[in-house]
Protein backbone atom coordinates (compact mmCIF):
# COMPACT_ATOMS: atom_id res chain seq x y z
CA MET A 1 141.21 161.58 57.85
CA ALA A 2 139.51 164.84 59.25
CA GLU A 3 139.67 163.29 62.76
CA LEU A 4 143.34 162.58 62.49
CA ASN A 5 143.79 166.25 61.46
CA LEU A 6 142.02 167.58 64.34
CA ALA A 7 143.41 165.24 66.87
CA ALA A 8 146.90 166.32 65.73
CA LYS A 9 146.02 169.94 65.87
CA LEU A 10 144.75 169.23 69.37
CA LYS A 11 147.71 167.52 70.45
CA ASN A 12 150.21 170.39 69.20
CA GLN A 13 148.17 172.91 70.82
CA LEU A 14 147.93 170.87 74.32
CA LYS A 15 151.88 170.27 73.61
CA GLN A 16 152.44 174.12 73.32
CA GLU A 17 150.45 175.06 76.50
CA LYS A 18 152.00 172.12 78.37
CA ILE A 19 148.60 170.61 79.55
CA HIS A 20 148.52 167.33 80.57
CA LEU A 21 144.79 165.68 80.26
CA TRP A 22 145.80 162.71 82.15
CA ASN A 23 146.35 164.90 85.46
CA PRO A 24 143.87 166.87 87.50
CA PRO A 25 141.81 169.02 86.92
CA TYR A 26 141.15 167.23 83.58
CA THR A 27 141.16 163.56 84.96
CA ASP A 28 140.40 162.83 88.73
CA ASP A 29 141.60 159.88 90.98
CA GLN A 30 139.33 157.61 89.50
CA HIS A 31 140.43 158.53 86.08
CA GLN A 32 137.08 160.16 85.19
CA ALA A 33 136.90 163.17 83.25
CA GLY A 34 136.80 166.57 85.03
CA GLN A 35 133.65 167.49 83.04
CA GLN A 36 133.96 171.49 83.64
CA HIS A 37 137.35 171.93 82.71
CA MET A 38 137.12 169.59 79.64
CA GLN A 39 134.18 171.62 78.53
CA GLU A 40 136.11 174.90 79.03
CA LEU A 41 139.19 173.59 77.13
CA ALA A 42 136.82 172.69 74.20
CA GLN A 43 135.09 176.08 74.02
CA ARG A 44 138.55 177.79 73.97
CA TYR A 45 140.01 175.49 71.42
CA SER A 46 136.86 175.59 69.16
CA SER A 47 137.09 179.16 68.83
CA LEU A 48 140.84 179.07 68.32
CA LEU A 49 140.30 176.54 65.46
CA ALA A 50 136.86 177.83 64.38
CA LEU A 51 135.50 174.38 64.64
CA GLN A 52 132.37 173.13 66.57
CA VAL A 53 132.45 172.70 70.15
CA SER A 54 131.02 169.05 70.12
CA ASP A 55 133.86 167.99 67.78
CA VAL A 56 136.61 169.41 69.59
CA GLY A 57 135.24 168.03 73.02
CA GLY A 58 134.79 164.66 71.47
CA ALA A 59 138.44 164.70 70.13
CA LEU A 60 139.79 166.03 73.38
CA GLU A 61 137.89 163.22 75.48
CA SER A 62 139.21 160.57 72.90
CA ILE A 63 142.84 162.15 73.56
CA ARG A 64 142.25 162.12 77.49
CA VAL A 65 141.20 158.56 77.32
CA GLN A 66 144.21 157.41 75.25
CA ALA A 67 146.55 159.12 77.42
CA VAL A 68 144.97 157.48 80.52
CA ASN A 69 145.28 153.96 78.94
CA ARG A 70 148.59 154.49 77.99
CA LEU A 71 149.63 155.37 81.66
CA ARG A 72 147.89 151.98 82.58
CA GLY A 73 149.84 150.33 80.08
CA ASN A 74 153.07 151.46 81.28
CA LYS A 75 152.10 150.31 84.63
CA ARG A 76 151.14 146.65 83.69
CA PHE A 77 154.44 146.51 81.60
CA ARG A 78 156.49 147.40 84.50
CA GLU A 79 154.80 145.14 87.04
CA LEU A 80 153.61 142.10 84.87
CA ASN A 81 156.01 142.55 81.77
CA MET A 82 152.76 142.85 79.64
CA ALA A 83 153.35 145.02 76.71
CA THR A 84 150.20 147.05 75.19
CA VAL A 85 150.47 146.79 71.26
CA GLU A 86 148.31 148.91 68.98
CA LEU A 87 147.09 147.03 65.75
CA LEU A 88 146.11 148.57 62.44
CA LEU A 89 143.26 146.11 61.32
CA PRO A 90 142.34 145.42 57.92
CA ARG A 91 139.51 148.01 56.92
CA ASP A 92 136.95 145.32 56.71
CA SER A 93 138.08 144.01 60.39
CA ARG A 94 137.74 147.54 61.96
CA LYS A 95 134.66 147.54 64.33
CA ASP A 96 134.99 151.16 65.07
CA ASN A 97 137.45 153.20 62.84
CA LYS A 98 137.57 156.00 65.51
CA ALA A 99 138.74 153.71 68.23
CA LYS A 100 142.30 152.25 68.64
CA THR A 101 142.44 148.34 68.73
CA LEU A 102 144.85 147.41 71.61
CA ILE A 103 146.01 143.84 72.53
CA GLU A 104 148.02 142.92 75.43
CA THR A 105 151.19 140.32 75.19
CA ARG A 106 154.37 139.44 76.66
CA LEU A 107 157.33 140.34 74.24
CA ASP A 108 159.20 137.14 74.51
CA VAL A 109 156.56 134.88 72.68
CA LEU A 110 156.88 133.83 69.22
CA VAL A 111 155.41 136.33 66.53
CA GLN A 112 153.22 133.27 65.37
CA GLN A 113 151.96 132.89 68.78
CA LEU A 114 150.35 136.55 68.45
CA MET A 115 149.41 135.97 64.99
CA ASP A 116 147.36 132.97 66.05
CA ARG A 117 145.67 135.22 68.72
CA ILE A 118 144.93 138.06 66.35
CA GLY A 119 143.38 135.65 63.91
CA GLU A 120 141.24 133.94 66.61
CA GLU A 121 139.82 137.16 67.91
CA PHE A 122 139.32 139.15 64.71
CA GLY A 123 138.29 136.26 62.43
CA LEU A 124 141.21 136.54 60.24
CA LYS A 125 142.47 133.37 58.22
CA SER A 126 145.87 134.33 57.14
CA ILE A 127 148.09 137.45 58.24
CA LYS A 128 151.35 139.02 58.21
CA LEU A 129 152.59 141.61 60.87
CA ILE A 130 154.38 144.71 59.76
CA LEU A 131 156.28 146.83 62.14
CA ASN A 132 158.00 150.07 61.01
CA GLY A 133 157.62 148.69 57.25
CA LYS A 134 159.40 145.40 58.12
CA THR A 135 157.50 142.03 57.88
CA LEU A 136 158.06 140.25 61.25
CA ILE A 137 159.08 136.78 61.12
CA PRO A 138 156.82 134.05 62.61
CA ASP A 139 159.40 131.89 64.17
CA GLN A 140 161.30 134.68 66.03
CA THR A 141 160.00 136.33 69.31
CA LEU A 142 158.37 139.92 69.25
CA ASP A 143 161.45 141.44 71.24
CA THR A 144 164.18 140.29 69.10
CA GLN A 145 162.44 141.95 66.26
CA GLY A 146 162.05 145.53 67.79
CA VAL A 147 158.61 145.33 69.15
CA LYS A 148 158.23 147.01 72.22
CA ASN A 149 155.48 148.37 74.71
CA HIS A 150 153.11 150.62 72.65
CA SER A 151 154.44 149.69 69.38
CA LYS A 152 152.11 149.97 66.49
CA MET A 153 151.70 147.18 64.16
CA MET A 154 149.81 146.88 60.78
CA VAL A 155 147.74 143.54 60.39
CA LEU A 156 147.88 142.54 56.59
CA LYS A 157 145.23 140.07 55.49
CA VAL A 158 146.94 137.95 52.91
CA THR A 159 144.27 135.58 52.15
CA ASP A 160 140.64 134.66 53.30
CA GLY A 161 140.92 130.92 53.32
CA GLU A 162 143.59 127.85 53.82
CA GLU A 163 143.65 126.85 50.24
CA GLU A 164 144.23 130.47 49.23
CA LYS A 165 146.82 130.82 51.96
CA ASN A 166 148.96 127.86 50.81
CA HIS A 167 148.57 129.26 47.08
CA GLN A 168 149.91 132.80 48.21
CA HIS A 169 152.64 131.15 50.01
CA GLU A 170 153.75 129.07 46.97
CA SER A 171 153.24 131.95 44.78
CA ILE A 172 155.76 133.99 46.66
CA GLN A 173 158.18 130.96 46.91
CA ARG A 174 158.08 130.50 43.23
CA THR A 175 158.54 134.06 42.41
CA GLN A 176 161.66 133.94 44.92
CA LYS A 177 163.03 130.87 43.16
CA GLY A 178 162.34 132.22 39.74
CA PHE A 179 164.21 135.48 40.06
CA GLN A 180 167.11 133.69 42.07
CA ILE A 181 167.70 131.69 39.04
CA LEU A 182 167.71 134.93 36.79
CA SER A 183 170.09 136.58 39.27
CA GLU A 184 172.66 133.58 38.78
CA ARG A 185 172.48 134.03 34.96
CA ASP A 186 175.22 136.34 33.58
CA GLY A 187 174.16 136.13 29.77
CA SER A 188 176.74 133.64 29.01
CA GLU A 189 174.28 131.05 27.58
CA ASP A 190 172.20 131.63 24.47
CA PRO A 191 169.39 134.04 25.58
CA ASP A 192 166.78 132.49 23.36
CA THR A 193 166.94 129.22 25.48
CA SER A 194 168.34 130.79 28.91
CA PRO A 195 166.74 134.06 29.38
CA PHE A 196 168.46 136.71 31.55
CA LEU A 197 168.17 140.04 33.08
CA GLU A 198 170.63 142.86 32.54
CA ILE A 199 170.64 145.87 34.94
CA ALA A 200 170.90 149.10 32.88
CA ASP A 201 171.13 152.83 33.79
CA GLN A 202 168.92 155.52 32.66
CA LYS A 203 170.73 155.73 29.40
CA GLY A 204 169.94 152.02 28.86
CA GLU A 205 173.89 151.15 29.29
CA PRO A 206 174.35 147.97 31.14
CA LEU A 207 175.68 148.59 34.54
CA LYS A 208 178.72 146.32 35.95
CA VAL A 209 177.90 145.57 39.63
CA PRO A 210 179.39 143.01 42.10
CA HIS A 211 177.84 139.50 41.88
CA SER A 212 176.20 139.79 45.26
CA GLU A 213 174.68 143.20 44.71
CA LYS A 214 173.60 142.27 41.24
CA LYS A 215 171.62 139.29 42.87
CA ALA A 216 170.03 141.24 45.50
CA LEU A 217 168.98 144.05 43.03
CA ILE A 218 167.51 141.59 40.83
CA LEU A 219 165.32 140.04 43.49
CA ALA A 220 164.42 143.42 44.50
CA MET A 221 163.28 144.47 41.08
CA GLY A 222 161.49 141.25 40.45
CA PHE A 223 159.45 141.51 43.59
CA HIS A 224 158.74 144.99 42.84
CA GLU A 225 157.46 144.32 39.46
CA LYS A 226 155.19 141.55 40.93
CA GLY A 227 153.85 144.15 43.48
CA ARG A 228 153.15 146.66 40.83
CA SER A 229 151.37 144.19 38.85
CA LEU A 230 149.11 143.45 41.85
CA MET A 231 148.66 147.15 42.49
CA LYS A 232 146.97 147.37 38.81
CA LYS A 233 144.75 144.81 40.06
CA LYS A 234 143.82 147.06 43.20
CA GLU A 235 145.37 143.88 45.32
CA PHE A 236 146.95 146.20 47.60
CA GLU A 237 147.43 143.55 50.58
CA LYS A 238 149.22 141.08 48.39
CA ALA A 239 151.03 143.75 46.74
CA LEU A 240 152.28 145.20 49.87
CA CYS A 241 153.60 141.69 50.82
CA HIS A 242 156.01 141.56 47.65
CA LEU A 243 156.98 145.40 47.92
CA LEU A 244 158.23 144.87 51.37
CA GLN A 245 160.02 141.80 50.26
CA ALA A 246 161.58 144.01 47.53
CA ASP A 247 162.45 146.49 50.02
CA HIS A 248 164.45 143.83 51.89
CA HIS A 249 166.54 143.00 49.02
CA PHE A 250 167.17 146.53 48.08
CA SER A 251 168.68 146.97 51.74
CA GLN A 252 171.33 144.51 50.67
CA CYS A 253 172.61 146.74 48.00
CA GLY A 254 175.13 149.25 48.35
CA SER A 255 174.14 153.24 48.55
CA ALA A 256 176.32 154.02 45.45
CA LEU A 257 174.35 151.56 43.36
CA LEU A 258 170.77 152.77 44.62
CA ARG A 259 172.09 156.36 43.62
CA SER A 260 172.66 155.46 39.94
CA VAL A 261 169.13 154.02 39.40
CA ASP A 262 165.87 155.59 40.34
CA ASN A 263 164.04 151.82 41.14
CA PHE A 264 164.36 152.42 44.94
CA ALA A 265 162.64 155.79 45.18
CA VAL A 266 159.88 154.54 43.12
CA LEU A 267 159.36 151.56 45.50
CA GLN A 268 159.12 153.76 48.34
CA LEU A 269 156.26 155.82 46.66
CA ASP A 270 154.48 152.56 45.90
CA ILE A 271 154.71 151.20 49.43
CA VAL A 272 153.16 154.42 50.92
CA TRP A 273 150.46 154.54 47.96
CA CYS A 274 149.67 151.06 49.26
CA TYR A 275 149.32 152.46 52.87
CA ARG A 276 147.05 155.21 51.48
CA ALA A 277 144.88 152.48 49.71
CA LEU A 278 144.62 150.36 52.94
CA LYS A 279 143.89 153.50 55.02
CA ALA A 280 147.02 152.63 57.08
CA LEU A 281 148.59 156.10 56.82
CA THR A 282 148.55 156.10 60.67
CA CYS A 283 152.02 154.77 60.33
CA LEU A 284 153.29 158.21 60.03
CA ASP A 285 156.96 157.64 60.90
CA ASP A 286 157.41 154.89 58.42
CA ALA A 287 155.47 156.54 55.56
CA ARG A 288 157.33 160.02 56.37
CA ARG A 289 160.92 158.24 56.39
CA ARG A 290 159.99 156.47 53.03
CA LEU A 291 159.08 159.64 51.36
CA GLN A 292 162.20 161.42 52.46
CA SER A 293 164.10 158.49 51.12
CA ALA A 294 162.43 158.81 47.78
CA GLU A 295 163.13 162.53 47.33
CA ASP A 296 166.57 162.09 48.30
CA CYS A 297 167.09 159.25 46.11
CA PHE A 298 165.42 161.10 43.04
CA LEU A 299 167.73 164.22 43.89
CA GLN A 300 170.88 161.94 43.48
CA CYS A 301 169.63 160.21 40.55
CA TYR A 302 168.07 163.03 38.48
CA GLY A 303 170.31 165.86 39.97
CA GLN A 304 169.00 169.33 41.15
CA ARG A 305 166.30 170.76 39.35
CA GLN A 306 166.29 167.33 37.05
CA GLN A 307 169.35 168.59 35.20
CA ARG A 308 170.94 165.31 34.93
CA LEU A 309 167.73 163.61 33.89
CA LEU A 310 167.47 166.62 31.15
CA MET A 311 170.87 165.83 29.91
CA ILE A 312 170.42 162.05 29.65
CA LYS A 313 166.79 161.99 28.17
CA GLY A 314 166.13 165.33 26.79
CA ASN A 315 163.07 166.13 28.78
CA THR A 316 161.65 165.66 32.13
CA GLY A 317 157.91 165.61 31.66
CA ARG A 318 157.51 161.65 31.76
CA GLU A 319 159.28 161.61 35.22
CA ASP A 320 157.08 164.40 36.56
CA VAL A 321 154.52 162.00 37.51
CA LEU A 322 156.69 160.60 40.02
CA PHE A 323 157.07 164.21 41.76
CA LEU A 324 153.33 164.63 41.47
CA ARG A 325 152.56 161.40 43.32
CA LEU A 326 155.70 162.25 45.77
CA TYR A 327 154.42 165.86 46.65
CA LEU A 328 150.67 164.38 46.84
CA LEU A 329 151.44 162.07 49.57
CA GLN A 330 153.54 164.48 51.27
CA SER A 331 150.55 166.78 51.34
CA LEU A 332 148.31 164.02 52.97
CA LEU A 333 150.78 163.19 55.53
CA SER A 334 151.23 166.94 56.40
CA TYR A 335 147.44 166.87 56.64
CA ILE A 336 147.20 164.19 58.72
CA GLU A 337 149.90 165.66 61.18
CA GLY A 338 147.73 168.77 61.68
CA ASN A 339 150.01 171.25 59.42
CA ASP A 340 147.39 172.52 57.21
CA PHE A 341 149.61 175.26 55.81
CA LEU A 342 152.47 172.87 54.71
CA ALA A 343 149.60 170.47 53.34
CA LYS A 344 148.38 173.37 51.20
CA GLN A 345 151.74 174.54 49.98
CA GLN A 346 152.42 170.99 48.67
CA LEU A 347 149.13 170.58 47.17
CA ASP A 348 149.76 173.91 45.13
CA LYS A 349 152.76 172.21 43.85
CA VAL A 350 150.66 168.97 42.96
CA GLU A 351 148.23 171.18 41.05
CA SER A 352 150.86 173.20 39.27
CA LEU A 353 152.40 169.75 38.18
CA TYR A 354 149.18 168.03 37.23
CA ARG A 355 148.25 171.09 34.82
CA ARG A 356 151.73 170.24 33.10
CA VAL A 357 151.15 166.49 32.83
CA GLY A 358 147.46 165.96 32.89
CA LEU A 359 146.25 165.02 29.54
CA ASP A 360 143.75 166.35 26.98
CA SER A 361 141.62 163.28 25.69
CA GLU A 362 141.31 165.10 22.18
CA LYS A 363 145.14 165.11 21.86
CA MET A 364 145.28 161.49 23.03
CA THR A 365 142.82 160.66 20.14
CA GLN A 366 144.71 162.51 17.64
CA LEU A 367 147.82 160.46 18.25
CA MET A 368 145.99 157.10 18.58
CA ILE A 369 144.25 157.75 15.24
CA LEU A 370 147.84 157.85 13.79
CA GLY A 371 148.56 154.26 15.13
CA PHE A 372 150.11 155.03 18.39
CA THR A 373 149.31 153.08 21.51
CA ASP A 374 147.71 154.82 24.44
CA ARG A 375 150.83 154.35 26.66
CA GLU A 376 152.92 155.97 23.67
CA ALA A 377 150.55 158.74 23.47
CA ARG A 378 150.64 159.46 27.37
CA LEU A 379 154.14 159.46 27.65
CA GLY A 380 154.92 161.33 24.19
CA LEU A 381 152.69 164.08 25.11
CA ARG A 382 154.12 164.44 28.53
CA ALA A 383 157.90 164.41 27.09
CA CYS A 384 156.46 167.15 24.71
CA GLN A 385 154.59 169.40 27.20
CA GLY A 386 151.23 168.52 25.34
CA ASN A 387 152.31 169.31 21.73
CA VAL A 388 150.79 166.74 19.48
CA GLU A 389 153.14 167.42 16.40
CA GLU A 390 156.34 167.17 18.43
CA ALA A 391 154.80 163.91 20.29
CA ALA A 392 154.22 162.32 17.01
CA ILE A 393 157.64 162.93 15.87
CA TYR A 394 159.32 162.07 19.52
CA ILE A 395 157.18 158.63 19.53
CA SER A 396 158.25 157.73 15.89
CA ASN A 397 161.94 158.46 16.90
CA GLN A 398 161.61 156.29 19.96
CA ARG A 399 160.30 153.37 17.94
CA GLN A 400 163.02 153.61 15.43
CA GLU A 401 165.62 153.64 18.21
CA LYS A 402 164.19 150.53 19.80
CA ILE A 403 164.42 148.77 16.46
CA GLU A 404 168.05 150.02 15.74
CA GLN A 405 168.64 148.54 19.45
CA ARG A 406 167.15 145.37 19.00
CA GLN A 407 168.91 145.12 15.63
CA ARG A 408 172.28 145.66 17.44
CA GLU A 409 171.39 142.96 20.18
CA ARG A 410 170.78 140.55 17.50
CA MET A 411 173.93 141.11 15.80
CA LYS A 412 175.98 141.05 19.10
CA ARG A 413 174.19 137.68 19.82
CA SER A 414 174.97 136.23 16.27
CA ARG A 415 178.55 137.27 16.83
CA ARG A 416 178.87 135.71 19.87
CA LEU A 417 177.26 132.30 18.88
CA GLU A 418 179.92 132.51 15.97
CA VAL A 419 182.63 132.73 18.59
CA ILE A 420 181.22 130.03 20.56
CA SER A 421 180.90 127.69 17.69
CA THR A 422 184.46 128.50 16.61
CA LEU A 423 185.94 127.52 20.21
CA ALA A 424 183.79 124.43 20.14
CA GLU A 425 185.27 123.31 16.88
CA LEU A 426 188.74 123.52 18.47
CA GLY A 427 187.60 121.07 21.21
CA TYR A 428 186.20 123.07 24.00
CA SER A 429 182.86 122.47 25.65
CA ARG A 430 180.16 124.84 24.55
CA ARG A 431 179.67 125.84 28.30
CA ASP A 432 183.27 126.82 28.38
CA ALA A 433 183.30 128.32 25.15
CA SER A 434 180.22 130.50 26.36
CA ARG A 435 181.72 131.71 29.40
CA ALA A 436 184.87 132.80 27.63
CA ALA A 437 182.79 134.65 24.88
CA HIS A 438 180.85 136.30 27.64
CA LEU A 439 183.87 137.47 29.67
CA ALA A 440 185.59 138.49 26.24
CA GLU A 441 182.56 140.47 25.33
CA GLY A 442 182.29 138.64 22.05
CA ASP A 443 185.88 139.04 20.83
CA LEU A 444 187.48 135.71 19.66
CA ASP A 445 190.95 136.36 20.09
CA LYS A 446 190.43 137.40 23.91
CA ALA A 447 188.00 134.60 24.26
CA LEU A 448 190.73 132.07 23.11
CA GLY A 449 193.17 133.51 25.33
CA ILE A 450 190.89 133.08 28.16
CA LEU A 451 190.64 129.43 27.56
CA LEU A 452 194.32 128.92 26.86
CA ASP A 453 195.40 130.63 30.09
CA SER A 454 192.89 128.05 31.75
CA GLY A 455 194.70 125.05 29.88
CA PRO A 456 193.65 122.68 27.16
CA PRO A 457 190.23 121.35 26.77
CA VAL A 458 189.42 118.87 29.75
CA LEU A 459 186.37 116.55 29.38
CA SER A 460 186.18 115.57 32.84
CA SER A 461 182.65 116.23 34.03
CA HIS A 462 180.14 113.50 34.24
CA THR A 463 176.50 112.77 34.54
CA SER A 464 174.95 110.76 37.11
CA GLU A 465 175.24 107.74 34.87
CA GLY A 466 179.00 107.94 34.03
CA VAL A 467 178.73 109.61 30.87
CA SER A 468 180.89 112.82 30.20
CA ALA A 469 178.74 115.74 30.38
CA ASP A 470 180.90 117.70 28.10
CA LYS A 471 180.79 114.73 25.35
CA LEU A 472 177.07 114.34 25.75
CA GLU A 473 176.81 118.22 25.04
CA GLN A 474 178.81 117.92 21.89
CA LEU A 475 176.33 115.39 20.57
CA LEU A 476 173.38 117.37 21.69
CA TYR A 477 174.88 120.32 19.63
CA LEU A 478 175.07 118.00 16.49
CA GLY A 479 171.36 117.70 16.88
CA PHE A 480 171.04 114.38 18.26
CA GLU A 481 168.12 113.39 20.94
CA ARG A 482 169.59 113.22 24.53
CA ASP A 483 168.61 109.62 25.30
CA SER A 484 170.10 108.43 21.81
CA SER A 485 173.20 110.64 22.62
CA ARG A 486 173.75 109.08 26.03
CA THR A 487 173.10 105.39 24.90
CA ALA A 488 175.73 105.79 22.03
CA LEU A 489 178.53 107.02 24.18
CA ARG A 490 177.81 104.26 26.76
CA LEU A 491 178.19 101.63 23.77
CA THR A 492 181.21 103.25 22.47
CA GLY A 493 182.94 103.65 25.91
CA GLY A 494 182.60 107.50 25.57
CA ASP A 495 184.22 107.79 22.25
CA VAL A 496 182.52 110.93 20.70
CA GLN A 497 183.53 110.29 17.01
CA SER A 498 182.45 106.49 17.27
CA ALA A 499 179.20 107.40 18.98
CA THR A 500 178.44 110.01 16.44
CA GLN A 501 179.20 107.52 13.47
CA LEU A 502 176.80 104.87 15.61
CA LEU A 503 174.19 107.84 15.48
CA ILE A 504 174.62 108.46 12.00
CA ASP A 505 174.32 104.86 10.82
CA HIS A 506 171.01 104.52 12.87
CA GLN A 507 169.55 107.96 11.46
CA GLY A 508 169.98 109.43 15.14
CA VAL A 509 167.41 107.05 16.70
CA LEU A 510 168.64 103.88 18.46
CA SER A 511 166.86 100.78 18.53
CA ALA A 512 164.78 99.41 21.75
CA GLU A 513 167.26 96.64 22.05
CA LEU A 514 170.17 99.00 21.96
CA LEU A 515 168.62 101.33 24.53
CA SER A 516 167.86 98.20 26.72
CA ALA A 517 171.42 96.81 26.54
CA SER A 518 172.87 100.29 27.27
CA GLN A 519 171.09 100.59 30.62
CA PRO A 520 173.27 99.92 33.66
CA ALA A 521 173.08 96.84 35.84
CA GLY A 522 170.07 97.01 38.11
CA SER A 523 168.47 100.10 36.49
CA SER A 524 165.08 100.18 34.62
CA SER A 525 164.12 101.77 31.36
CA SER A 526 161.40 103.91 32.93
CA PRO A 527 162.57 106.12 36.02
CA SER A 528 161.74 104.96 39.42
CA PRO A 529 159.59 107.19 41.76
CA SER A 530 162.15 106.96 44.41
CA SER A 531 165.20 108.21 42.26
CA GLU A 532 167.30 110.21 44.19
CA GLU A 533 168.04 112.82 41.38
CA PRO A 534 165.86 114.40 38.69
CA SER A 535 167.40 114.03 35.08
CA THR A 536 168.91 117.05 33.83
CA SER A 537 166.20 117.61 31.32
CA SER A 538 163.52 117.71 34.16
CA ILE A 539 165.65 120.37 36.17
CA SER A 540 165.95 122.28 33.25
CA ALA A 541 162.18 121.97 32.47
CA GLU A 542 161.40 123.07 36.26
CA GLU A 543 163.79 125.89 36.05
CA ASN A 544 162.37 127.25 32.81
CA GLU A 545 158.77 127.25 34.21
CA LEU A 546 159.78 129.20 37.34
CA VAL A 547 161.72 131.84 35.12
CA ASN A 548 158.65 132.13 32.64
CA GLU A 549 156.33 132.82 35.75
CA ALA A 550 158.72 135.14 37.03
CA LEU A 551 159.12 137.20 33.61
CA GLU A 552 155.30 137.38 33.15
CA ASP A 553 155.10 140.05 35.32
CA ILE A 554 157.95 142.12 34.06
CA CYS A 555 156.23 144.51 31.78
CA PRO A 556 158.37 144.63 28.25
CA HIS A 557 157.86 148.47 28.25
CA GLU A 558 160.81 149.73 30.18
CA GLU A 559 158.93 153.06 31.04
CA ASP A 560 155.69 151.32 32.31
CA TYR A 561 156.13 152.86 35.75
CA LEU A 562 156.01 156.29 34.31
CA ASP A 563 152.71 155.41 32.30
CA LEU A 564 150.22 156.71 35.24
CA THR A 565 146.76 157.53 33.86
CA LEU A 566 146.61 159.86 37.06
CA GLU A 567 142.81 158.84 37.68
CA GLU A 568 143.54 157.71 41.32
CA GLU A 569 145.94 160.69 41.80
CA SER A 570 143.06 163.19 40.58
CA GLU A 571 140.66 161.81 42.96
CA LEU A 572 143.02 162.20 45.85
CA ILE A 573 143.87 165.69 44.81
CA ASN A 574 140.09 166.64 45.07
CA THR A 575 139.67 164.96 48.29
CA MET A 576 142.63 166.99 49.66
CA LYS A 577 141.11 170.12 48.48
CA GLY A 578 137.89 169.28 50.26
CA TYR A 579 139.55 168.68 53.39
CA LEU A 580 141.57 171.70 53.39
CA LYS A 581 138.65 173.76 52.38
CA SER A 582 136.70 172.43 55.45
CA ALA A 583 139.59 172.95 57.60
CA SER A 584 140.06 176.69 56.75
CA GLY A 585 136.39 177.23 57.15
CA THR A 586 136.07 178.28 53.50
CA PRO A 587 132.44 178.18 52.24
């Protein structure tokens, strides 16, 4: 980090003085250093920056060599169409942390070809290439995805072996499918059997958004939650893969929607936090852009001086941890860019915030003795500026509000199920009744009006075996098994009343002879491995499995993203203080 800071300061000074180290007298015709002039420059700059001559001389020589290599690269690109690309390798694959890793390539080749070369040269099994915060698509060419001569790309190691690579790829695919299923659900079905996700604002009120944006937002938030889960496990490479997927889906949401929720801003912080953990903060342009986006989004969402947040939640203490992380990362970037003064200003803001939101272990213990969880204690103390008595009252009120909210949701669900049952008794399928009840927000008269406008009950949909899906659904609703219900409908020619009576006569279980007799010609009682379509129940089981996997990574506590222990932040604060002290020459 100190090397980057010194290099940035020297480049700024050289730029001010219009000194070009790649030209004479600093570089001769054979591209060798002009020793005397370089030494004089090192001595002058070491006095200016109050640093050792040897350190400044080494940094100047490194800058000179990079400039000469860049000129050579430009010439090769003009003459041979061979671009030079800088690679930011994983930490354990870097041979020399101070030297840049360069690779030459044509820009009209597929990304996969470059990935194969990098994997072979550096012993990496499975990687992704990141350019300006975007994951490059393997089966497209470099130039079509914005790669240019002297582009800087991050090499992200996804796995160590082929088996793990396949598992990771499958994991991402399953996450995508699970949240895609959830994004299609609108809550019109029974949430006990068909869980769905609802998008709410800072007050917890559901947001009404267009279907396409809702789908993109749920996918974005899903990948973000998965990425945050991996961050907690310190699996930053895998986390970054998921966070960048989330960023891609957020880009498909309208700006008005992003201004109403703080998720997008938090995602930008998490991505740059991963850059820091992976020591890839030389991606300065992308990191700076993301932090600016986060700050702008917080401003839009929370208001100037967080007045909107204060009006909605009554306090700003919990969200202060987000600003602490934002200012800390901004301070780090300013230091890397050689701006010690700005870095110090931002770090002062960080320390001021830390004194407000940093927690006293004794106060934490007092609240936990009262039966509160460590998360409740942290969030409560921050909301109440460290006052234990007020925090205890605040947490108790929060618990009561959640109990009342769950009761309201249960009553709402119960009323909706009553409406659905009433409509089903009138002859409508439960699917149509559920949809109408959802659109009418549980109002029976409105739901009936919606159904009447669409015409009388029509039972026209059929399963792949010729049985009406709606009639089958009516029997399932009465509690009969699927196979027996299907058989009863076949044996009675689709008459629901006769099928019901048949099932009652047989106590809901039809004999093997009746089941066999009901099979269509040429069919077998056991499914064939070559069946073209899986059964409805198998599709449902697979969907439920994907949904449950996706929901595993969603923390049930809606303010989990605010529950930072600040241990990592504290370490970075101390590191930054050490860097800035050294840079200022303070003993």
